[in-house]
Protein backbone atom coordinates (compact mmCIF):
# COMPACT_ATOMS: atom_id res chain seq x y z
CA UNK A 1 42.08 -25.80 -29.60
CA UNK A 2 38.51 -26.56 -30.72
CA UNK A 3 35.85 -23.89 -30.32
CA UNK A 4 32.33 -24.38 -28.89
CA UNK A 5 29.73 -21.90 -30.10
CA UNK A 6 26.07 -22.01 -31.11
CA UNK A 7 25.69 -25.71 -30.34
CA UNK A 8 28.60 -26.66 -32.60
CA UNK A 9 32.18 -27.70 -31.94
CA UNK A 10 34.69 -26.66 -34.59
CA UNK A 11 38.32 -27.68 -35.03
CA UNK A 12 40.41 -25.46 -37.33
CA UNK A 13 43.95 -26.06 -38.55
CA UNK A 14 46.27 -26.00 -41.53
CA UNK A 15 49.70 -24.98 -42.77
CA UNK A 16 50.56 -21.36 -42.05
CA UNK A 17 53.87 -21.15 -43.86
CA UNK A 18 56.95 -22.93 -45.12
CA UNK A 19 60.53 -21.80 -44.56
CA UNK A 20 62.73 -21.09 -46.45
CA UNK A 21 60.73 -21.72 -49.67
CA UNK A 22 57.27 -22.78 -50.70
CA UNK A 23 57.03 -26.56 -51.19
CA UNK A 24 56.45 -28.30 -54.52
CA UNK A 25 53.03 -29.32 -53.19
CA UNK A 26 51.29 -29.77 -49.87
CA UNK A 27 48.07 -30.98 -48.34
CA UNK A 28 46.47 -30.74 -44.92
CA UNK A 29 43.37 -31.92 -43.14
CA UNK A 30 41.88 -31.50 -39.69
CA UNK A 31 40.24 -34.01 -37.38
CA UNK A 32 38.05 -33.12 -34.42
CA UNK A 33 38.82 -35.82 -31.86
CA UNK A 34 36.93 -36.79 -28.71
CA UNK A 35 38.49 -38.63 -25.79
CA UNK A 36 36.85 -41.97 -24.96
CA UNK A 37 37.66 -42.36 -21.27
CA UNK A 38 36.54 -45.99 -20.95
CA UNK A 39 38.86 -47.03 -23.77
CA UNK A 40 41.57 -44.52 -22.83
CA UNK A 41 41.96 -43.31 -26.41
CA UNK A 42 41.09 -40.52 -28.85
CA UNK A 43 38.52 -41.10 -31.60
CA UNK A 44 37.72 -38.95 -34.66
CA UNK A 45 34.32 -37.27 -34.26
CA UNK A 46 34.50 -35.12 -37.43
CA UNK A 47 36.97 -34.64 -40.27
CA UNK A 48 37.57 -31.87 -42.79
CA UNK A 49 38.06 -32.19 -46.51
CA UNK A 50 41.67 -32.45 -47.63
CA UNK A 51 43.10 -28.99 -48.35
CA UNK A 52 45.39 -29.14 -51.39
CA UNK A 53 46.50 -25.51 -51.63
CA UNK A 54 49.87 -24.46 -50.28
CA UNK A 55 50.79 -21.29 -48.41
CA UNK A 56 51.32 -18.42 -48.76
CA UNK A 57 48.99 -17.04 -47.66
CA UNK A 58 47.99 -19.26 -44.75
CA UNK A 59 45.50 -21.94 -45.69
CA UNK A 60 43.26 -23.58 -43.14
CA UNK A 61 40.33 -25.95 -43.04
CA UNK A 62 37.78 -26.90 -40.40
CA UNK A 63 35.91 -29.94 -39.07
CA UNK A 64 32.57 -29.23 -37.40
CA UNK A 65 29.98 -31.28 -35.55
CA UNK A 66 26.75 -30.54 -33.72
CA UNK A 67 26.96 -30.85 -29.97
CA UNK A 68 23.99 -32.70 -28.47
CA UNK A 69 22.85 -31.48 -25.04
CA UNK A 70 24.23 -33.75 -22.33
CA UNK A 71 25.01 -33.69 -18.64
CA UNK A 72 28.30 -35.41 -19.45
CA UNK A 73 31.43 -33.37 -20.04
CA UNK A 74 33.45 -34.42 -23.08
CA UNK A 75 37.07 -33.63 -23.96
CA UNK A 76 37.89 -32.58 -27.54
CA UNK A 77 41.09 -31.69 -29.37
CA UNK A 78 42.14 -30.63 -32.86
CA UNK A 79 44.48 -32.87 -34.84
CA UNK A 80 46.08 -31.32 -37.94
CA UNK A 81 47.74 -33.63 -40.47
CA UNK A 82 50.09 -32.08 -43.02
CA UNK A 83 51.92 -33.54 -46.00
CA UNK A 84 54.61 -31.33 -47.53
CA UNK A 85 56.46 -32.33 -50.69
CA UNK A 86 59.74 -30.66 -51.61
CA UNK A 87 62.36 -32.97 -53.11
CA UNK A 88 61.25 -35.58 -50.55
CA UNK A 89 57.97 -36.18 -48.69
CA UNK A 90 57.64 -34.94 -45.13
CA UNK A 91 54.47 -35.69 -43.16
CA UNK A 92 53.71 -34.26 -39.75
CA UNK A 93 50.87 -34.30 -37.24
CA UNK A 94 50.08 -31.62 -34.67
CA UNK A 95 47.57 -31.80 -31.84
CA UNK A 96 46.07 -28.90 -29.90
CA UNK A 97 45.44 -28.45 -26.23
CA UNK A 98 42.10 -29.86 -25.08
CA UNK A 99 38.64 -28.32 -24.73
CA UNK A 100 36.32 -29.63 -22.00
CA UNK A 101 32.65 -29.15 -22.98
CA UNK A 102 29.26 -29.92 -21.50
CA UNK A 103 26.83 -29.07 -24.31
CA UNK A 104 23.67 -27.08 -23.58
């Protein structure tokens, strides 16, 4: 779930481990998404750099944006995209629960 602190919203994610063995290579990135209620869809508000290091240990990356003061409450979520290569390519996407924020 994204975190709101000090006027910033931060989404953190990554690959924490691979079972049973470490992959040949992997990459991950994180998007901070905001829900656009009028359109009924999620939109990327901030994106991290692509993380190219594989676990172990756990590797994570973060996407951060400033939160402008508003009387409107916005809904954010973290979307983590992972690409794991081991004999074949396996890509996966994970989304967090949502964070409802009215910035001050």
